[in-house]
Amino acid sequence: ENKFTAMVRFKNNLGRQVYIINVGCGCPSFILEQSINGQWTTAGSPVCQALYIPQTPLANGEDFTAVVSMYTEPLTNGTYRLKFDIREQEITIQIPQEHLFSCNFTITNNGAR
C-alpha cells in the first residue's frame, strides 16, 4: 500500500468561530478528490477506528496546522484537492461549500507539486 500525507493549514477569516471535525486517527476529517474530465471524484479518505476525537475550535483570525494522511492504492497522475468537514454553531451547520476545499495540487509519478 501507498501512503498519502500532506501538511495542511487552516486560516479562519469568516468572522465567526468554526469547528474542524476530526476523525478517529487524530487528524482533520478529509476526502481526497481527483479531477477527471472536469468532474471531482473521490480518490480516497482515511479509514480510522471509530474513536471519538473532539473537534478543533478555530476562532476568527486564528490558524491551525495539521498533518493528514491515509493509506491508498497508487494515485494516478492528475489534479487533486482535499475536502474537509468544517462546521459552525456548535458543529450543527456545515460552512459554505466554497470554504471546504484546499487549493488544487498535482500528483505526478515524481510526487506532488
PDB file of N, CA and C in Angstrom:
ATOM      1  N   GLU A   1       0.832  -1.198   0.000  1.00  0.00           N
ATOM      2  CA  GLU A   1       0.000   0.000   0.000  1.00  0.00           C
ATOM      3  C   GLU A   1       0.870   1.253   0.000  1.00  0.00           C
ATOM      4  N   ASN A   2       0.318   2.308  -0.509  1.00  0.00           N
ATOM      5  CA  ASN A   2       0.982   3.603  -0.528  1.00  0.00           C
ATOM      6  C   ASN A   2       0.367   4.475   0.550  1.00  0.00           C
ATOM      7  N   LYS A   3       1.114   5.468   0.983  1.00  0.00           N
ATOM      8  CA  LYS A   3       0.593   6.385   1.994  1.00  0.00           C
ATOM      9  C   LYS A   3       0.617   7.798   1.437  1.00  0.00           C
ATOM     10  N   PHE A   4      -0.532   8.454   1.486  1.00  0.00           N
ATOM     11  CA  PHE A   4      -0.652   9.857   1.102  1.00  0.00           C
ATOM     12  C   PHE A   4      -0.577  10.675   2.384  1.00  0.00           C
ATOM     13  N   THR A   5       0.321  11.664   2.423  1.00  0.00           N
ATOM     14  CA  THR A   5       0.482  12.531   3.589  1.00  0.00           C
ATOM     15  C   THR A   5       0.613  13.967   3.114  1.00  0.00           C
ATOM     16  N   ALA A   6      -0.048  14.883   3.813  1.00  0.00           N
ATOM     17  CA  ALA A   6       0.054  16.302   3.469  1.00  0.00           C
ATOM     18  C   ALA A   6      -0.034  17.136   4.735  1.00  0.00           C
ATOM     19  N   MET A   7       0.746  18.212   4.786  1.00  0.00           N
ATOM     20  CA  MET A   7       0.609  19.185   5.860  1.00  0.00           C
ATOM     21  C   MET A   7      -0.387  20.237   5.371  1.00  0.00           C
ATOM     22  N   VAL A   8      -1.383  20.531   6.197  1.00  0.00           N
ATOM     23  CA  VAL A   8      -2.416  21.490   5.816  1.00  0.00           C
ATOM     24  C   VAL A   8      -2.492  22.598   6.851  1.00  0.00           C
ATOM     25  N   ARG A   9      -2.863  23.779   6.393  1.00  0.00           N
ATOM     26  CA  ARG A   9      -3.020  24.932   7.288  1.00  0.00           C
ATOM     27  C   ARG A   9      -4.404  25.518   7.066  1.00  0.00           C
ATOM     28  N   PHE A  10      -5.134  25.657   8.146  1.00  0.00           N
ATOM     29  CA  PHE A  10      -6.449  26.275   8.120  1.00  0.00           C
ATOM     30  C   PHE A  10      -6.322  27.695   8.641  1.00  0.00           C
ATOM     31  N   LYS A  11      -6.916  28.648   7.973  1.00  0.00           N
ATOM     32  CA  LYS A  11      -6.951  30.055   8.417  1.00  0.00           C
ATOM     33  C   LYS A  11      -8.415  30.474   8.428  1.00  0.00           C
ATOM     34  N   ASN A  12      -8.905  30.881   9.595  1.00  0.00           N
ATOM     35  CA  ASN A  12     -10.308  31.280   9.718  1.00  0.00           C
ATOM     36  C   ASN A  12     -10.430  32.789   9.518  1.00  0.00           C
ATOM     37  N   ASN A  13     -11.026  33.170   8.403  1.00  0.00           N
ATOM     38  CA  ASN A  13     -11.305  34.583   8.147  1.00  0.00           C
ATOM     39  C   ASN A  13     -12.784  34.797   7.848  1.00  0.00           C
ATOM     40  N   LEU A  14     -13.637  33.963   8.447  1.00  0.00           N
ATOM     41  CA  LEU A  14     -15.078  34.013   8.188  1.00  0.00           C
ATOM     42  C   LEU A  14     -15.830  34.955   9.126  1.00  0.00           C
ATOM     43  N   GLY A  15     -15.146  35.510  10.133  1.00  0.00           N
ATOM     44  CA  GLY A  15     -15.811  36.434  11.039  1.00  0.00           C
ATOM     45  C   GLY A  15     -16.554  35.769  12.180  1.00  0.00           C
ATOM     46  N   ARG A  16     -16.388  34.462  12.337  1.00  0.00           N
ATOM     47  CA  ARG A  16     -17.052  33.716  13.415  1.00  0.00           C
ATOM     48  C   ARG A  16     -16.248  32.449  13.705  1.00  0.00           C
ATOM     49  N   GLN A  17     -16.473  31.870  14.872  1.00  0.00           N
ATOM     50  CA  GLN A  17     -15.772  30.632  15.216  1.00  0.00           C
ATOM     51  C   GLN A  17     -16.294  29.480  14.371  1.00  0.00           C
ATOM     52  N   VAL A  18     -15.385  28.601  13.967  1.00  0.00           N
ATOM     53  CA  VAL A  18     -15.753  27.378  13.256  1.00  0.00           C
ATOM     54  C   VAL A  18     -15.115  26.195  13.968  1.00  0.00           C
ATOM     55  N   TYR A  19     -15.534  24.987  13.590  1.00  0.00           N
ATOM     56  CA  TYR A  19     -15.043  23.764  14.217  1.00  0.00           C
ATOM     57  C   TYR A  19     -14.563  22.811  13.130  1.00  0.00           C
ATOM     58  N   ILE A  20     -13.303  22.387  13.212  1.00  0.00           N
ATOM     59  CA  ILE A  20     -12.762  21.395  12.297  1.00  0.00           C
ATOM     60  C   ILE A  20     -13.104  20.031  12.867  1.00  0.00           C
ATOM     61  N   ILE A  21     -13.828  19.224  12.103  1.00  0.00           N
ATOM     62  CA  ILE A  21     -14.224  17.889  12.555  1.00  0.00           C
ATOM     63  C   ILE A  21     -13.041  16.947  12.336  1.00  0.00           C
ATOM     64  N   ASN A  22     -12.705  16.177  13.353  1.00  0.00           N
ATOM     65  CA  ASN A  22     -11.572  15.252  13.311  1.00  0.00           C
ATOM     66  C   ASN A  22     -12.052  13.813  13.178  1.00  0.00           C
ATOM     67  N   VAL A  23     -11.197  12.957  12.632  1.00  0.00           N
ATOM     68  CA  VAL A  23     -11.502  11.533  12.518  1.00  0.00           C
ATOM     69  C   VAL A  23     -10.765  10.769  13.612  1.00  0.00           C
ATOM     70  N   GLY A  24     -11.114   9.503  13.778  1.00  0.00           N
ATOM     71  CA  GLY A  24     -10.576   8.689  14.855  1.00  0.00           C
ATOM     72  C   GLY A  24      -9.077   8.518  14.851  1.00  0.00           C
ATOM     73  N   CYS A  25      -8.422   8.756  13.713  1.00  0.00           N
ATOM     74  CA  CYS A  25      -6.957   8.623  13.689  1.00  0.00           C
ATOM     75  C   CYS A  25      -6.274   9.917  14.094  1.00  0.00           C
ATOM     76  N   GLY A  26      -7.038  10.891  14.563  1.00  0.00           N
ATOM     77  CA  GLY A  26      -6.451  12.079  15.170  1.00  0.00           C
ATOM     78  C   GLY A  26      -6.132  13.228  14.239  1.00  0.00           C
ATOM     79  N   CYS A  27      -6.618  13.193  13.011  1.00  0.00           N
ATOM     80  CA  CYS A  27      -6.373  14.303  12.093  1.00  0.00           C
ATOM     81  C   CYS A  27      -7.716  14.848  11.604  1.00  0.00           C
ATOM     82  N   PRO A  28      -7.697  16.031  11.008  1.00  0.00           N
ATOM     83  CA  PRO A  28      -8.958  16.558  10.462  1.00  0.00           C
ATOM     84  C   PRO A  28      -9.561  15.595   9.444  1.00  0.00           C
ATOM     85  N   SER A  29     -10.878  15.466   9.490  1.00  0.00           N
ATOM     86  CA  SER A  29     -11.596  14.624   8.541  1.00  0.00           C
ATOM     87  C   SER A  29     -11.441  15.193   7.136  1.00  0.00           C
ATOM     88  N   PHE A  30     -11.108  14.341   6.167  1.00  0.00           N
ATOM     89  CA  PHE A  30     -10.934  14.829   4.803  1.00  0.00           C
ATOM     90  C   PHE A  30     -11.266  13.756   3.783  1.00  0.00           C
ATOM     91  N   ILE A  31     -11.513  14.212   2.568  1.00  0.00           N
ATOM     92  CA  ILE A  31     -11.688  13.353   1.404  1.00  0.00           C
ATOM     93  C   ILE A  31     -10.701  13.849   0.354  1.00  0.00           C
ATOM     94  N   LEU A  32      -9.952  12.942  -0.234  1.00  0.00           N
ATOM     95  CA  LEU A  32      -9.070  13.271  -1.341  1.00  0.00           C
ATOM     96  C   LEU A  32      -9.889  13.148  -2.615  1.00  0.00           C
ATOM     97  N   GLU A  33      -9.926  14.217  -3.412  1.00  0.00           N
ATOM     98  CA  GLU A  33     -10.683  14.211  -4.656  1.00  0.00           C
ATOM     99  C   GLU A  33      -9.735  14.423  -5.832  1.00  0.00           C
ATOM    100  N   GLN A  34     -10.070  13.778  -6.965  1.00  0.00           N
ATOM    101  CA  GLN A  34      -9.298  13.938  -8.191  1.00  0.00           C
ATOM    102  C   GLN A  34     -10.211  14.498  -9.271  1.00  0.00           C
ATOM    103  N   SER A  35      -9.678  15.421 -10.059  1.00  0.00           N
ATOM    104  CA  SER A  35     -10.421  15.968 -11.192  1.00  0.00           C
ATOM    105  C   SER A  35     -10.249  15.030 -12.385  1.00  0.00           C
ATOM    106  N   ILE A  36     -11.353  14.465 -12.844  1.00  0.00           N
ATOM    107  CA  ILE A  36     -11.348  13.573 -14.006  1.00  0.00           C
ATOM    108  C   ILE A  36     -12.355  14.117 -15.006  1.00  0.00           C
ATOM    109  N   ASN A  37     -11.863  14.507 -16.167  1.00  0.00           N
ATOM    110  CA  ASN A  37     -12.712  15.088 -17.215  1.00  0.00           C
ATOM    111  C   ASN A  37     -13.548  16.250 -16.683  1.00  0.00           C
ATOM    112  N   GLY A  38     -12.940  17.078 -15.842  1.00  0.00           N
ATOM    113  CA  GLY A  38     -13.618  18.260 -15.326  1.00  0.00           C
ATOM    114  C   GLY A  38     -14.561  18.019 -14.166  1.00  0.00           C
ATOM    115  N   GLN A  39     -14.658  16.795 -13.693  1.00  0.00           N
ATOM    116  CA  GLN A  39     -15.532  16.457 -12.564  1.00  0.00           C
ATOM    117  C   GLN A  39     -14.687  15.975 -11.394  1.00  0.00           C
ATOM    118  N   TRP A  40     -15.015  16.431 -10.184  1.00  0.00           N
ATOM    119  CA  TRP A  40     -14.298  15.983  -8.995  1.00  0.00           C
ATOM    120  C   TRP A  40     -14.880  14.660  -8.528  1.00  0.00           C
ATOM    121  N   THR A  41     -14.013  13.655  -8.371  1.00  0.00           N
ATOM    122  CA  THR A  41     -14.435  12.340  -7.905  1.00  0.00           C
ATOM    123  C   THR A  41     -13.600  11.942  -6.687  1.00  0.00           C
ATOM    124  N   THR A  42     -14.174  11.146  -5.810  1.00  0.00           N
ATOM    125  CA  THR A  42     -13.476  10.713  -4.598  1.00  0.00           C
ATOM    126  C   THR A  42     -12.343   9.760  -4.959  1.00  0.00           C
ATOM    127  N   ALA A  43     -11.145  10.079  -4.486  1.00  0.00           N
ATOM    128  CA  ALA A  43      -9.976   9.232  -4.711  1.00  0.00           C
ATOM    129  C   ALA A  43      -9.578   8.493  -3.436  1.00  0.00           C
ATOM    130  N   GLY A  44     -10.187   8.851  -2.299  1.00  0.00           N
ATOM    131  CA  GLY A  44      -9.887   8.168  -1.053  1.00  0.00           C
ATOM    132  C   GLY A  44     -10.171   9.026   0.157  1.00  0.00           C
ATOM    133  N   SER A  45     -10.199   8.382   1.299  1.00  0.00           N
ATOM    134  CA  SER A  45     -10.350   9.063   2.585  1.00  0.00           C
ATOM    135  C   SER A  45      -9.760   8.157   3.649  1.00  0.00           C
ATOM    136  N   PRO A  46      -9.400   8.728   4.800  1.00  0.00           N
ATOM    137  CA  PRO A  46      -8.783   7.882   5.824  1.00  0.00           C
ATOM    138  C   PRO A  46      -9.785   6.878   6.397  1.00  0.00           C
ATOM    139  N   VAL A  47      -9.291   5.702   6.702  1.00  0.00           N
ATOM    140  CA  VAL A  47     -10.097   4.681   7.364  1.00  0.00           C
ATOM    141  C   VAL A  47      -9.540   4.567   8.773  1.00  0.00           C
ATOM    142  N   CYS A  48     -10.332   4.980   9.741  1.00  0.00           N
ATOM    143  CA  CYS A  48      -9.866   5.015  11.121  1.00  0.00           C
ATOM    144  C   CYS A  48     -10.849   4.277  12.016  1.00  0.00           C
ATOM    145  N   GLN A  49     -10.361   3.866  13.157  1.00  0.00           N
ATOM    146  CA  GLN A  49     -11.245   3.263  14.146  1.00  0.00           C
ATOM    147  C   GLN A  49     -12.244   4.309  14.609  1.00  0.00           C
ATOM    148  N   ALA A  50     -13.388   3.870  15.038  1.00  0.00           N
ATOM    149  CA  ALA A  50     -14.467   4.777  15.443  1.00  0.00           C
ATOM    150  C   ALA A  50     -14.236   5.315  16.855  1.00  0.00           C
ATOM    151  N   LEU A  51     -13.123   5.984  17.026  1.00  0.00           N
ATOM    152  CA  LEU A  51     -12.831   6.624  18.304  1.00  0.00           C
ATOM    153  C   LEU A  51     -13.371   8.042  18.263  1.00  0.00           C
ATOM    154  N   TYR A  52     -13.840   8.545  19.393  1.00  0.00           N
ATOM    155  CA  TYR A  52     -14.294   9.932  19.432  1.00  0.00           C
ATOM    156  C   TYR A  52     -13.088  10.836  19.624  1.00  0.00           C
ATOM    157  N   ILE A  53     -12.922  11.735  18.718  1.00  0.00           N
ATOM    158  CA  ILE A  53     -11.877  12.759  18.807  1.00  0.00           C
ATOM    159  C   ILE A  53     -12.605  14.100  18.810  1.00  0.00           C
ATOM    160  N   PRO A  54     -12.414  14.931  19.820  1.00  0.00           N
ATOM    161  CA  PRO A  54     -13.124  16.217  19.853  1.00  0.00           C
ATOM    162  C   PRO A  54     -12.771  17.070  18.636  1.00  0.00           C
ATOM    163  N   GLN A  55     -13.736  17.881  18.218  1.00  0.00           N
ATOM    164  CA  GLN A  55     -13.480  18.800  17.109  1.00  0.00           C
ATOM    165  C   GLN A  55     -12.476  19.861  17.549  1.00  0.00           C
ATOM    166  N   THR A  56     -11.856  20.520  16.587  1.00  0.00           N
ATOM    167  CA  THR A  56     -10.897  21.580  16.860  1.00  0.00           C
ATOM    168  C   THR A  56     -11.574  22.921  16.648  1.00  0.00           C
ATOM    169  N   PRO A  57     -11.822  23.705  17.724  1.00  0.00           N
ATOM    170  CA  PRO A  57     -12.417  25.028  17.531  1.00  0.00           C
ATOM    171  C   PRO A  57     -11.383  25.983  16.945  1.00  0.00           C
ATOM    172  N   LEU A  58     -11.824  26.826  16.043  1.00  0.00           N
ATOM    173  CA  LEU A  58     -10.929  27.785  15.403  1.00  0.00           C
ATOM    174  C   LEU A  58     -11.628  29.144  15.396  1.00  0.00           C
ATOM    175  N   ALA A  59     -11.156  30.033  16.280  1.00  0.00           N
ATOM    176  CA  ALA A  59     -11.764  31.363  16.399  1.00  0.00           C
ATOM    177  C   ALA A  59     -11.425  32.198  15.164  1.00  0.00           C
ATOM    178  N   ASN A  60     -12.228  33.224  14.921  1.00  0.00           N
ATOM    179  CA  ASN A  60     -11.971  34.119  13.806  1.00  0.00           C
ATOM    180  C   ASN A  60     -10.559  34.704  13.922  1.00  0.00           C
ATOM    181  N   GLY A  61      -9.827  34.677  12.811  1.00  0.00           N
ATOM    182  CA  GLY A  61      -8.471  35.215  12.777  1.00  0.00           C
ATOM    183  C   GLY A  61      -7.388  34.228  13.168  1.00  0.00           C
ATOM    184  N   GLU A  62      -7.757  33.069  13.729  1.00  0.00           N
ATOM    185  CA  GLU A  62      -6.761  32.078  14.134  1.00  0.00           C
ATOM    186  C   GLU A  62      -6.424  31.150  12.980  1.00  0.00           C
ATOM    187  N   ASP A  63      -5.267  30.487  13.094  1.00  0.00           N
ATOM    188  CA  ASP A  63      -4.928  29.451  12.139  1.00  0.00           C
ATOM    189  C   ASP A  63      -4.529  28.183  12.884  1.00  0.00           C
ATOM    190  N   PHE A  64      -4.531  27.081  12.160  1.00  0.00           N
ATOM    191  CA  PHE A  64      -4.275  25.765  12.734  1.00  0.00           C
ATOM    192  C   PHE A  64      -3.588  24.933  11.656  1.00  0.00           C
ATOM    193  N   THR A  65      -2.503  24.256  12.033  1.00  0.00           N
ATOM    194  CA  THR A  65      -1.763  23.409  11.102  1.00  0.00           C
ATOM    195  C   THR A  65      -1.847  21.963  11.577  1.00  0.00           C
ATOM    196  N   ALA A  66      -2.014  21.043  10.638  1.00  0.00           N
ATOM    197  CA  ALA A  66      -2.106  19.624  10.960  1.00  0.00           C
ATOM    198  C   ALA A  66      -1.519  18.813   9.823  1.00  0.00           C
ATOM    199  N   VAL A  67      -1.197  17.569  10.121  1.00  0.00           N
ATOM    200  CA  VAL A  67      -0.775  16.619   9.103  1.00  0.00           C
ATOM    201  C   VAL A  67      -1.915  15.632   8.907  1.00  0.00           C
ATOM    202  N   VAL A  68      -2.315  15.438   7.650  1.00  0.00           N
ATOM    203  CA  VAL A  68      -3.348  14.453   7.328  1.00  0.00           C
ATOM    204  C   VAL A  68      -2.695  13.339   6.526  1.00  0.00           C
ATOM    205  N   SER A  69      -3.174  12.124   6.709  1.00  0.00           N
ATOM    206  CA  SER A  69      -2.599  11.012   5.951  1.00  0.00           C
ATOM    207  C   SER A  69      -3.608   9.884   5.824  1.00  0.00           C
ATOM    208  N   MET A  70      -3.349   9.038   4.841  1.00  0.00           N
ATOM    209  CA  MET A  70      -4.172   7.845   4.633  1.00  0.00           C
ATOM    210  C   MET A  70      -3.388   6.865   3.778  1.00  0.00           C
ATOM    211  N   TYR A  71      -3.713   5.597   3.906  1.00  0.00           N
ATOM    212  CA  TYR A  71      -3.159   4.580   3.026  1.00  0.00           C
ATOM    213  C   TYR A  71      -4.045   4.507   1.799  1.00  0.00           C
ATOM    214  N   THR A  72      -3.436   4.291   0.638  1.00  0.00           N
ATOM    215  CA  THR A  72      -4.192   4.352  -0.605  1.00  0.00           C
ATOM    216  C   THR A  72      -3.590   3.434  -1.658  1.00  0.00           C
ATOM    217  N   GLU A  73      -4.379   3.121  -2.646  1.00  0.00           N
ATOM    218  CA  GLU A  73      -3.856   2.482  -3.848  1.00  0.00           C
ATOM    219  C   GLU A  73      -2.966   3.515  -4.542  1.00  0.00           C
ATOM    220  N   PRO A  74      -2.095   3.104  -5.443  1.00  0.00           N
ATOM    221  CA  PRO A  74      -1.267   4.095  -6.147  1.00  0.00           C
ATOM    222  C   PRO A  74      -2.158   5.163  -6.813  1.00  0.00           C
ATOM    223  N   LEU A  75      -1.782   6.423  -6.633  1.00  0.00           N
ATOM    224  CA  LEU A  75      -2.537   7.519  -7.221  1.00  0.00           C
ATOM    225  C   LEU A  75      -2.028   7.763  -8.636  1.00  0.00           C
ATOM    226  N   THR A  76      -2.946   8.048  -9.553  1.00  0.00           N
ATOM    227  CA  THR A  76      -2.567   8.328 -10.930  1.00  0.00           C
ATOM    228  C   THR A  76      -2.156   9.788 -11.061  1.00  0.00           C
ATOM    229  N   ASN A  77      -1.417  10.100 -12.106  1.00  0.00           N
ATOM    230  CA  ASN A  77      -1.062  11.488 -12.378  1.00  0.00           C
ATOM    231  C   ASN A  77      -2.343  12.292 -12.529  1.00  0.00           C
ATOM    232  N   GLY A  78      -2.355  13.505 -11.970  1.00  0.00           N
ATOM    233  CA  GLY A  78      -3.543  14.330 -12.146  1.00  0.00           C
ATOM    234  C   GLY A  78      -3.627  15.453 -11.145  1.00  0.00           C
ATOM    235  N   THR A  79      -4.764  16.134 -11.195  1.00  0.00           N
ATOM    236  CA  THR A  79      -5.050  17.263 -10.316  1.00  0.00           C
ATOM    237  C   THR A  79      -5.937  16.784  -9.174  1.00  0.00           C
ATOM    238  N   TYR A  80      -5.563  17.155  -7.964  1.00  0.00           N
ATOM    239  CA  TYR A  80      -6.259  16.719  -6.760  1.00  0.00           C
ATOM    240  C   TYR A  80      -6.576  17.914  -5.868  1.00  0.00           C
ATOM    241  N   ARG A  81      -7.448  17.682  -4.890  1.00  0.00           N
ATOM    242  CA  ARG A  81      -7.723  18.643  -3.831  1.00  0.00           C
ATOM    243  C   ARG A  81      -8.219  17.859  -2.623  1.00  0.00           C
ATOM    244  N   LEU A  82      -8.220  18.511  -1.470  1.00  0.00           N
ATOM    245  CA  LEU A  82      -8.744  17.920  -0.244  1.00  0.00           C
ATOM    246  C   LEU A  82     -10.031  18.638   0.128  1.00  0.00           C
ATOM    247  N   LYS A  83     -11.017  17.883   0.559  1.00  0.00           N
ATOM    248  CA  LYS A  83     -12.277  18.450   1.060  1.00  0.00           C
ATOM    249  C   LYS A  83     -12.358  18.126   2.537  1.00  0.00           C
ATOM    250  N   PHE A  84     -12.593  19.151   3.345  1.00  0.00           N
ATOM    251  CA  PHE A  84     -12.641  18.989   4.797  1.00  0.00           C
ATOM    252  C   PHE A  84     -14.060  19.142   5.323  1.00  0.00           C
ATOM    253  N   ASP A  85     -14.286  18.679   6.535  1.00  0.00           N
ATOM    254  CA  ASP A  85     -15.580  18.817   7.215  1.00  0.00           C
ATOM    255  C   ASP A  85     -15.416  19.904   8.272  1.00  0.00           C
ATOM    256  N   ILE A  86     -15.927  21.085   7.985  1.00  0.00           N
ATOM    257  CA  ILE A  86     -15.811  22.229   8.889  1.00  0.00           C
ATOM    258  C   ILE A  86     -17.211  22.737   9.186  1.00  0.00           C
ATOM    259  N   ARG A  87     -17.502  22.953  10.456  1.00  0.00           N
ATOM    260  CA  ARG A  87     -18.855  23.312  10.885  1.00  0.00           C
ATOM    261  C   ARG A  87     -18.848  24.621  11.658  1.00  0.00           C
ATOM    262  N   GLU A  88     -20.045  25.140  11.903  1.00  0.00           N
ATOM    263  CA  GLU A  88     -20.211  26.316  12.753  1.00  0.00           C
ATOM    264  C   GLU A  88     -21.399  26.096  13.671  1.00  0.00           C
ATOM    265  N   GLN A  89     -21.635  27.020  14.561  1.00  0.00           N
ATOM    266  CA  GLN A  89     -22.764  26.981  15.509  1.00  0.00           C
ATOM    267  C   GLN A  89     -22.868  25.637  16.223  1.00  0.00           C
ATOM    268  N   GLU A  90     -21.879  25.393  17.079  1.00  0.00           N
ATOM    269  CA  GLU A  90     -21.876  24.156  17.880  1.00  0.00           C
ATOM    270  C   GLU A  90     -21.878  22.907  17.004  1.00  0.00           C
ATOM    271  N   ILE A  91     -21.182  22.958  15.905  1.00  0.00           N
ATOM    272  CA  ILE A  91     -20.957  21.871  14.952  1.00  0.00           C
ATOM    273  C   ILE A  91     -22.214  21.336  14.269  1.00  0.00           C
ATOM    274  N   THR A  92     -23.305  22.074  14.257  1.00  0.00           N
ATOM    275  CA  THR A  92     -24.524  21.561  13.631  1.00  0.00           C
ATOM    276  C   THR A  92     -24.679  21.974  12.175  1.00  0.00           C
ATOM    277  N   ILE A  93     -23.992  23.012  11.732  1.00  0.00           N
ATOM    278  CA  ILE A  93     -24.163  23.533  10.377  1.00  0.00           C
ATOM    279  C   ILE A  93     -22.818  23.533   9.662  1.00  0.00           C
ATOM    280  N   GLN A  94     -22.766  22.907   8.480  1.00  0.00           N
ATOM    281  CA  GLN A  94     -21.529  22.933   7.700  1.00  0.00           C
ATOM    282  C   GLN A  94     -21.363  24.321   7.086  1.00  0.00           C
ATOM    283  N   ILE A  95     -20.121  24.806   7.069  1.00  0.00           N
ATOM    284  CA  ILE A  95     -19.876  26.117   6.465  1.00  0.00           C
ATOM    285  C   ILE A  95     -20.091  26.013   4.953  1.00  0.00           C
ATOM    286  N   PRO A  96     -20.227  27.147   4.254  1.00  0.00           N
ATOM    287  CA  PRO A  96     -20.476  27.096   2.803  1.00  0.00           C
ATOM    288  C   PRO A  96     -19.411  26.289   2.055  1.00  0.00           C
ATOM    289  N   GLN A  97     -19.861  25.558   1.042  1.00  0.00           N
ATOM    290  CA  GLN A  97     -19.009  24.645   0.274  1.00  0.00           C
ATOM    291  C   GLN A  97     -17.699  25.265  -0.191  1.00  0.00           C
ATOM    292  N   GLU A  98     -17.725  26.517  -0.629  1.00  0.00           N
ATOM    293  CA  GLU A  98     -16.506  27.108  -1.209  1.00  0.00           C
ATOM    294  C   GLU A  98     -15.365  27.234  -0.208  1.00  0.00           C
ATOM    295  N   HIS A  99     -15.657  27.072   1.089  1.00  0.00           N
ATOM    296  CA  HIS A  99     -14.625  27.178   2.122  1.00  0.00           C
ATOM    297  C   HIS A  99     -14.126  25.816   2.606  1.00  0.00           C
ATOM    298  N   LEU A 100     -14.585  24.736   2.000  1.00  0.00           N
ATOM    299  CA  LEU A 100     -14.251  23.386   2.475  1.00  0.00           C
ATOM    300  C   LEU A 100     -13.070  22.754   1.748  1.00  0.00           C
ATOM    301  N   PHE A 101     -12.568  23.399   0.685  1.00  0.00           N
ATOM    302  CA  PHE A 101     -11.581  22.763  -0.178  1.00  0.00           C
ATOM    303  C   PHE A 101     -10.201  23.386  -0.050  1.00  0.00           C
ATOM    304  N   SER A 102      -9.185  22.540  -0.227  1.00  0.00           N
ATOM    305  CA  SER A 102      -7.803  23.025  -0.315  1.00  0.00           C
ATOM    306  C   SER A 102      -7.587  23.629  -1.697  1.00  0.00           C
ATOM    307  N   CYS A 103      -6.426  24.213  -1.887  1.00  0.00           N
ATOM    308  CA  CYS A 103      -6.004  24.592  -3.232  1.00  0.00           C
ATOM    309  C   CYS A 103      -5.784  23.302  -4.026  1.00  0.00           C
ATOM    310  N   ASN A 104      -5.960  23.372  -5.333  1.00  0.00           N
ATOM    311  CA  ASN A 104      -5.676  22.220  -6.184  1.00  0.00           C
ATOM    312  C   ASN A 104      -4.176  21.957  -6.194  1.00  0.00           C
ATOM    313  N   PHE A 105      -3.794  20.695  -6.318  1.00  0.00           N
ATOM    314  CA  PHE A 105      -2.394  20.327  -6.448  1.00  0.00           C
ATOM    315  C   PHE A 105      -2.266  19.174  -7.429  1.00  0.00           C
ATOM    316  N   THR A 106      -1.065  19.015  -7.978  1.00  0.00           N
ATOM    317  CA  THR A 106      -0.823  17.995  -8.997  1.00  0.00           C
ATOM    318  C   THR A 106       0.020  16.868  -8.418  1.00  0.00           C
ATOM    319  N   ILE A 107      -0.370  15.645  -8.735  1.00  0.00           N
ATOM    320  CA  ILE A 107       0.427  14.472  -8.383  1.00  0.00           C
ATOM    321  C   ILE A 107       0.946  13.879  -9.684  1.00  0.00           C
ATOM    322  N   THR A 108       2.268  13.655  -9.739  1.00  0.00           N
ATOM    323  CA  THR A 108       2.898  13.028 -10.890  1.00  0.00           C
ATOM    324  C   THR A 108       3.657  11.813 -10.409  1.00  0.00           C
ATOM    325  N   ASN A 109       4.185  11.046 -11.321  1.00  0.00           N
ATOM    326  CA  ASN A 109       4.996   9.888 -10.935  1.00  0.00           C
ATOM    327  C   ASN A 109       6.162  10.275 -10.060  1.00  0.00           C
ATOM    328  N   ASN A 110       6.555  11.549 -10.113  1.00  0.00           N
ATOM    329  CA  ASN A 110       7.678  12.025  -9.305  1.00  0.00           C
ATOM    330  C   ASN A 110       7.242  12.570  -7.957  1.00  0.00           C
ATOM    331  N   GLY A 111       5.938  12.595  -7.654  1.00  0.00           N
ATOM    332  CA  GLY A 111       5.443  13.133  -6.396  1.00  0.00           C
ATOM    333  C   GLY A 111       4.554  14.342  -6.609  1.00  0.00           C
ATOM    334  N   ALA A 112       4.124  14.973  -5.518  1.00  0.00           N
ATOM    335  CA  ALA A 112       3.201  16.115  -5.579  1.00  0.00           C
ATOM    336  C   ALA A 112       3.949  17.387  -5.917  1.00  0.00           C
ATOM    337  N   ARG A 113       3.215  18.326  -6.565  1.00  0.00           N
ATOM    338  CA  ARG A 113       3.746  19.667  -6.845  1.00  0.00           C
ATOM    339  C   ARG A 113       2.728  20.696  -6.431  1.00  0.00           C
TER     340      ARG A 113
END
